[in-house]
Amino acid sequence: HTISPGLTNLMNHFSSKTYAFKPSGIATYSAGAWGGARCGVALRTYLSEIGCLPVSATFQMSWAWKLQQSWRHEDETQGESYAPTEAMALKSAERMLNQLEWHAEAMRLMRQERGTPS
């Protein structure tokens, strides 16, 4: 329910200067309903602390194995599907990536124009 130790170990291997003044997007997945949301919350704080500011939109893939198998589970009480569809996944990813691209371009222009704060 938190960041993978392997990921934090890898990211800690590099200096925080590597990440400073660069945007990031958070993409998580899980086999359950929450789509890695708890890990995403922990990542938001971690990335902010190292200066790699995350955009507000996140890509959370709930029931990832169901999408991968193209299998939809019907809720017997509601008769509605709660598994992700490819369209839902694409819309969520596109929103996060659009924000990431916008922030990356804005930060790049500011680094060129003014450099980075000391």
C-alpha atoms as a PDB file:
ATOM      1  CA  HIS A   1       0.000   0.000   0.000  1.00  0.00           C
ATOM      2  CA  THR A   2       2.932   2.305  -0.537  1.00  0.00           C
ATOM      3  CA  ILE A   3       5.759   2.937  -2.962  1.00  0.00           C
ATOM      4  CA  SER A   4       7.682  -0.129  -4.042  1.00  0.00           C
ATOM      5  CA  PRO A   5      11.064  -0.337  -2.256  1.00  0.00           C
ATOM      6  CA  GLY A   6      12.700  -1.057  -5.612  1.00  0.00           C
ATOM      7  CA  LEU A   7      11.362   2.200  -7.073  1.00  0.00           C
ATOM      8  CA  THR A   8      12.475   4.347  -4.146  1.00  0.00           C
ATOM      9  CA  ASN A   9      15.873   2.644  -4.121  1.00  0.00           C
ATOM     10  CA  LEU A  10      16.310   3.374  -7.827  1.00  0.00           C
ATOM     11  CA  MET A  11      15.190   6.993  -7.511  1.00  0.00           C
ATOM     12  CA  ASN A  12      17.379   7.563  -4.435  1.00  0.00           C
ATOM     13  CA  HIS A  13      20.364   6.333  -6.430  1.00  0.00           C
ATOM     14  CA  PHE A  14      20.317   9.609  -8.379  1.00  0.00           C
ATOM     15  CA  SER A  15      20.805  13.109  -7.007  1.00  0.00           C
ATOM     16  CA  SER A  16      17.730  15.238  -6.421  1.00  0.00           C
ATOM     17  CA  LYS A  17      19.215  17.611  -9.028  1.00  0.00           C
ATOM     18  CA  THR A  18      18.230  14.993 -11.606  1.00  0.00           C
ATOM     19  CA  TYR A  19      14.552  15.537 -10.781  1.00  0.00           C
ATOM     20  CA  ALA A  20      14.514  19.203  -9.752  1.00  0.00           C
ATOM     21  CA  PHE A  21      12.266  21.585 -11.679  1.00  0.00           C
ATOM     22  CA  LYS A  22      10.765  18.824 -13.794  1.00  0.00           C
ATOM     23  CA  PRO A  23       7.125  17.737 -13.829  1.00  0.00           C
ATOM     24  CA  SER A  24       5.962  14.196 -13.269  1.00  0.00           C
ATOM     25  CA  GLY A  25       2.831  12.175 -13.813  1.00  0.00           C
ATOM     26  CA  ILE A  26       1.676   9.438 -11.475  1.00  0.00           C
ATOM     27  CA  ALA A  27       0.435   6.213 -13.034  1.00  0.00           C
ATOM     28  CA  THR A  28      -0.554   3.338 -10.764  1.00  0.00           C
ATOM     29  CA  TYR A  29      -2.405   0.062 -11.092  1.00  0.00           C
ATOM     30  CA  SER A  30      -3.744  -2.677  -8.872  1.00  0.00           C
ATOM     31  CA  ALA A  31      -5.686  -5.894  -9.015  1.00  0.00           C
ATOM     32  CA  GLY A  32      -8.384  -4.363  -6.819  1.00  0.00           C
ATOM     33  CA  ALA A  33     -10.794  -1.459  -6.874  1.00  0.00           C
ATOM     34  CA  TRP A  34      -8.464   1.304  -5.722  1.00  0.00           C
ATOM     35  CA  GLY A  35      -6.084   1.279  -8.682  1.00  0.00           C
ATOM     36  CA  GLY A  36      -2.985   1.847  -6.604  1.00  0.00           C
ATOM     37  CA  ALA A  37      -4.433   5.038  -5.106  1.00  0.00           C
ATOM     38  CA  ARG A  38      -2.599   4.598  -1.804  1.00  0.00           C
ATOM     39  CA  CYS A  39       0.712   4.289  -3.627  1.00  0.00           C
ATOM     40  CA  GLY A  40      -0.183   7.361  -5.699  1.00  0.00           C
ATOM     41  CA  VAL A  41      -0.738   9.408  -2.550  1.00  0.00           C
ATOM     42  CA  ALA A  42       2.676   8.376  -1.217  1.00  0.00           C
ATOM     43  CA  LEU A  43       4.290   9.087  -4.603  1.00  0.00           C
ATOM     44  CA  ARG A  44       2.826  12.607  -4.714  1.00  0.00           C
ATOM     45  CA  THR A  45       4.612  13.539  -1.485  1.00  0.00           C
ATOM     46  CA  TYR A  46       7.835  11.746  -2.441  1.00  0.00           C
ATOM     47  CA  LEU A  47       8.030  13.341  -5.886  1.00  0.00           C
ATOM     48  CA  SER A  48       7.275  16.794  -4.482  1.00  0.00           C
ATOM     49  CA  GLU A  49      10.014  16.419  -1.895  1.00  0.00           C
ATOM     50  CA  ILE A  50      12.656  15.681  -4.544  1.00  0.00           C
ATOM     51  CA  GLY A  51      11.471  18.619  -6.671  1.00  0.00           C
ATOM     52  CA  CYS A  52       9.753  16.629  -9.400  1.00  0.00           C
ATOM     53  CA  LEU A  53       6.303  18.149  -9.055  1.00  0.00           C
ATOM     54  CA  PRO A  54       3.436  15.844 -10.063  1.00  0.00           C
ATOM     55  CA  VAL A  55       0.539  17.141 -12.147  1.00  0.00           C
ATOM     56  CA  SER A  56      -2.904  17.051 -10.543  1.00  0.00           C
ATOM     57  CA  ALA A  57      -4.377  14.355 -12.811  1.00  0.00           C
ATOM     58  CA  THR A  58      -3.339  10.787 -12.113  1.00  0.00           C
ATOM     59  CA  PHE A  59      -3.754   7.595 -14.076  1.00  0.00           C
ATOM     60  CA  GLN A  60      -5.090   4.866 -11.802  1.00  0.00           C
ATOM     61  CA  MET A  61      -5.869   1.502 -13.323  1.00  0.00           C
ATOM     62  CA  SER A  62      -8.274  -0.475 -11.158  1.00  0.00           C
ATOM     63  CA  TRP A  63      -8.851  -4.130 -11.905  1.00  0.00           C
ATOM     64  CA  ALA A  64      -5.857  -4.084 -14.262  1.00  0.00           C
ATOM     65  CA  TRP A  65      -5.967  -7.817 -14.823  1.00  0.00           C
ATOM     66  CA  LYS A  66      -9.558  -7.582 -16.012  1.00  0.00           C
ATOM     67  CA  LEU A  67      -8.716  -5.015 -18.658  1.00  0.00           C
ATOM     68  CA  GLN A  68      -5.732  -7.029 -19.753  1.00  0.00           C
ATOM     69  CA  GLN A  69      -7.942 -10.067 -20.221  1.00  0.00           C
ATOM     70  CA  SER A  70     -10.745  -7.985 -21.756  1.00  0.00           C
ATOM     71  CA  TRP A  71     -13.069  -9.426 -19.133  1.00  0.00           C
ATOM     72  CA  ARG A  72     -15.823  -7.406 -17.500  1.00  0.00           C
ATOM     73  CA  HIS A  73     -17.370  -8.389 -14.199  1.00  0.00           C
ATOM     74  CA  GLU A  74     -21.031  -7.643 -13.827  1.00  0.00           C
ATOM     75  CA  ASP A  75     -22.228  -6.464 -10.428  1.00  0.00           C
ATOM     76  CA  GLU A  76     -25.115  -8.811  -9.683  1.00  0.00           C
ATOM     77  CA  THR A  77     -27.037  -6.271  -7.599  1.00  0.00           C
ATOM     78  CA  GLN A  78     -26.755  -3.337  -9.987  1.00  0.00           C
ATOM     79  CA  GLY A  79     -26.220  -5.086 -13.291  1.00  0.00           C
ATOM     80  CA  GLU A  80     -23.493  -2.551 -14.060  1.00  0.00           C
ATOM     81  CA  SER A  81     -19.883  -3.160 -14.879  1.00  0.00           C
ATOM     82  CA  TYR A  82     -17.280  -1.715 -12.548  1.00  0.00           C
ATOM     83  CA  ALA A  83     -14.252  -3.026 -14.405  1.00  0.00           C
ATOM     84  CA  PRO A  84     -12.283  -0.558 -16.501  1.00  0.00           C
ATOM     85  CA  THR A  85     -12.866  -0.349 -20.181  1.00  0.00           C
ATOM     86  CA  GLU A  86     -10.222   0.547 -22.703  1.00  0.00           C
ATOM     87  CA  ALA A  87     -11.998   3.858 -23.359  1.00  0.00           C
ATOM     88  CA  MET A  88     -11.937   4.741 -19.643  1.00  0.00           C
ATOM     89  CA  ALA A  89      -8.253   3.904 -19.413  1.00  0.00           C
ATOM     90  CA  LEU A  90      -7.384   5.946 -22.491  1.00  0.00           C
ATOM     91  CA  LYS A  91      -9.363   8.977 -21.280  1.00  0.00           C
ATOM     92  CA  SER A  92      -7.681   8.902 -17.879  1.00  0.00           C
ATOM     93  CA  ALA A  93      -4.204   8.468 -19.360  1.00  0.00           C
ATOM     94  CA  GLU A  94      -4.797  11.210 -21.924  1.00  0.00           C
ATOM     95  CA  ARG A  95      -5.862  13.696 -19.238  1.00  0.00           C
ATOM     96  CA  MET A  96      -2.727  13.040 -17.178  1.00  0.00           C
ATOM     97  CA  LEU A  97      -0.429  13.121 -20.215  1.00  0.00           C
ATOM     98  CA  ASN A  98      -1.947  16.381 -21.505  1.00  0.00           C
ATOM     99  CA  GLN A  99      -1.270  18.043 -18.156  1.00  0.00           C
ATOM    100  CA  LEU A 100       2.227  16.575 -18.054  1.00  0.00           C
ATOM    101  CA  GLU A 101       3.027  17.874 -21.537  1.00  0.00           C
ATOM    102  CA  TRP A 102       1.710  21.347 -20.685  1.00  0.00           C
ATOM    103  CA  HIS A 103       3.754  21.549 -17.472  1.00  0.00           C
ATOM    104  CA  ALA A 104       6.878  20.165 -19.155  1.00  0.00           C
ATOM    105  CA  GLU A 105       6.709  22.813 -21.877  1.00  0.00           C
ATOM    106  CA  ALA A 106       6.064  25.601 -19.354  1.00  0.00           C
ATOM    107  CA  MET A 107       8.964  24.513 -17.139  1.00  0.00           C
ATOM    108  CA  ARG A 108      11.277  24.136 -20.125  1.00  0.00           C
ATOM    109  CA  LEU A 109      10.497  27.674 -21.279  1.00  0.00           C
ATOM    110  CA  MET A 110      11.076  29.072 -17.782  1.00  0.00           C
ATOM    111  CA  ARG A 111      14.411  27.233 -17.454  1.00  0.00           C
ATOM    112  CA  GLN A 112      15.489  28.709 -20.805  1.00  0.00           C
ATOM    113  CA  GLU A 113      14.281  32.205 -19.965  1.00  0.00           C
ATOM    114  CA  ARG A 114      15.286  32.511 -16.308  1.00  0.00           C
ATOM    115  CA  GLY A 115      17.252  29.402 -15.369  1.00  0.00           C
ATOM    116  CA  THR A 116      16.438  27.622 -12.132  1.00  0.00           C
ATOM    117  CA  PRO A 117      16.189  29.216  -8.694  1.00  0.00           C
ATOM    118  CA  SER A 118      19.110  28.590  -6.379  1.00  0.00           C
END
